[in-house]
Amino acid sequence: MQSQIPCPQCGGTIILDTHLLLAGQKFSCQQCHAQVGLSPQSQPDVAQAVQGFEALQRQKAQVATAAQSAVNEL
């Protein structure tokens, strides 16, 4: 899942893929070239948060589909 965060050095935008971040990849700021990554200690917490967010996205899609079906039946 692609995301973006502010650069801790210059405030620019760092675009990252959360799954690659969890796999240990580092990402660089396009403006100042500062790198960000996860410490091994942070990976479990971030992985749990990403999984929870993805579960919420799936639920949202299911609710939207059910709502659209209900509207179509009217």
Protein backbone atom coordinates (compact mmCIF):
# COMPACT_ATOMS: atom_id res chain seq x y z
CA MET A 1 0.00 0.00 0.00
CA GLN A 2 1.48 3.32 -1.07
CA SER A 3 1.57 6.10 1.51
CA GLN A 4 3.30 9.37 2.07
CA ILE A 5 4.80 10.96 5.15
CA PRO A 6 6.48 14.30 5.84
CA CYS A 7 10.27 14.23 5.83
CA PRO A 8 11.60 14.61 9.39
CA GLN A 9 14.49 16.74 8.06
CA CYS A 10 12.95 19.23 5.62
CA GLY A 11 9.18 18.66 5.71
CA GLY A 12 9.10 17.46 2.10
CA THR A 13 7.09 14.44 1.07
CA ILE A 14 8.44 10.90 1.30
CA ILE A 15 6.44 8.40 -0.75
CA LEU A 16 6.68 4.84 0.52
CA ASP A 17 5.12 1.42 0.21
CA THR A 18 4.12 0.16 3.65
CA HIS A 19 4.70 -3.48 2.75
CA LEU A 20 8.23 -2.73 1.52
CA LEU A 21 8.83 -0.59 4.61
CA LEU A 22 7.83 -3.55 6.78
CA ALA A 23 10.19 -5.74 4.76
CA GLY A 24 13.09 -3.47 5.77
CA GLN A 25 13.38 -1.17 2.77
CA LYS A 26 14.34 2.45 3.36
CA PHE A 27 12.83 5.38 1.49
CA SER A 28 14.39 8.74 0.63
CA CYS A 29 13.07 12.28 0.61
CA GLN A 30 12.96 13.64 -2.93
CA GLN A 31 14.05 17.08 -1.70
CA CYS A 32 16.86 16.54 0.83
CA HIS A 33 17.55 12.81 0.30
CA ALA A 34 17.15 11.96 4.00
CA GLN A 35 16.29 8.28 4.47
CA VAL A 36 13.58 6.79 6.65
CA GLY A 37 13.00 3.20 7.64
CA LEU A 38 11.71 1.11 10.51
CA SER A 39 13.78 -0.17 13.37
CA PRO A 40 13.41 -3.91 13.93
CA GLN A 41 11.71 -3.14 17.26
CA SER A 42 9.02 -1.04 15.52
CA GLN A 43 8.17 -3.53 12.79
CA PRO A 44 5.68 -5.65 14.80
CA ASP A 45 3.70 -2.62 15.96
CA VAL A 46 3.59 -1.07 12.50
CA ALA A 47 2.67 -4.42 10.92
CA GLN A 48 -0.24 -4.76 13.33
CA ALA A 49 -1.40 -1.21 12.57
CA VAL A 50 -1.19 -1.80 8.80
CA GLN A 51 -3.14 -5.05 9.10
CA GLY A 52 -5.82 -3.27 11.12
CA PHE A 53 -6.06 -0.46 8.60
CA GLU A 54 -6.34 -2.91 5.70
CA ALA A 55 -9.09 -4.81 7.55
CA LEU A 56 -11.00 -1.54 7.97
CA GLN A 57 -10.61 -0.81 4.27
CA ARG A 58 -12.06 -4.23 3.42
CA GLN A 59 -15.00 -3.63 5.78
CA LYS A 60 -15.61 -0.23 4.23
CA ALA A 61 -15.70 -1.77 0.76
CA GLN A 62 -18.13 -4.47 1.95
CA VAL A 63 -20.43 -1.88 3.52
CA ALA A 64 -20.33 0.25 0.37
CA THR A 65 -21.22 -2.78 -1.76
CA ALA A 66 -24.09 -3.74 0.56
CA ALA A 67 -25.38 -0.17 0.60
CA GLN A 68 -25.28 0.05 -3.18
CA SER A 69 -27.15 -3.24 -3.44
CA ALA A 70 -29.81 -1.97 -1.04
CA VAL A 71 -30.20 1.25 -3.05
CA ASN A 72 -30.49 -0.70 -6.29
CA GLU A 73 -33.32 -2.77 -4.79
CA LEU A 74 -35.41 0.33 -4.08
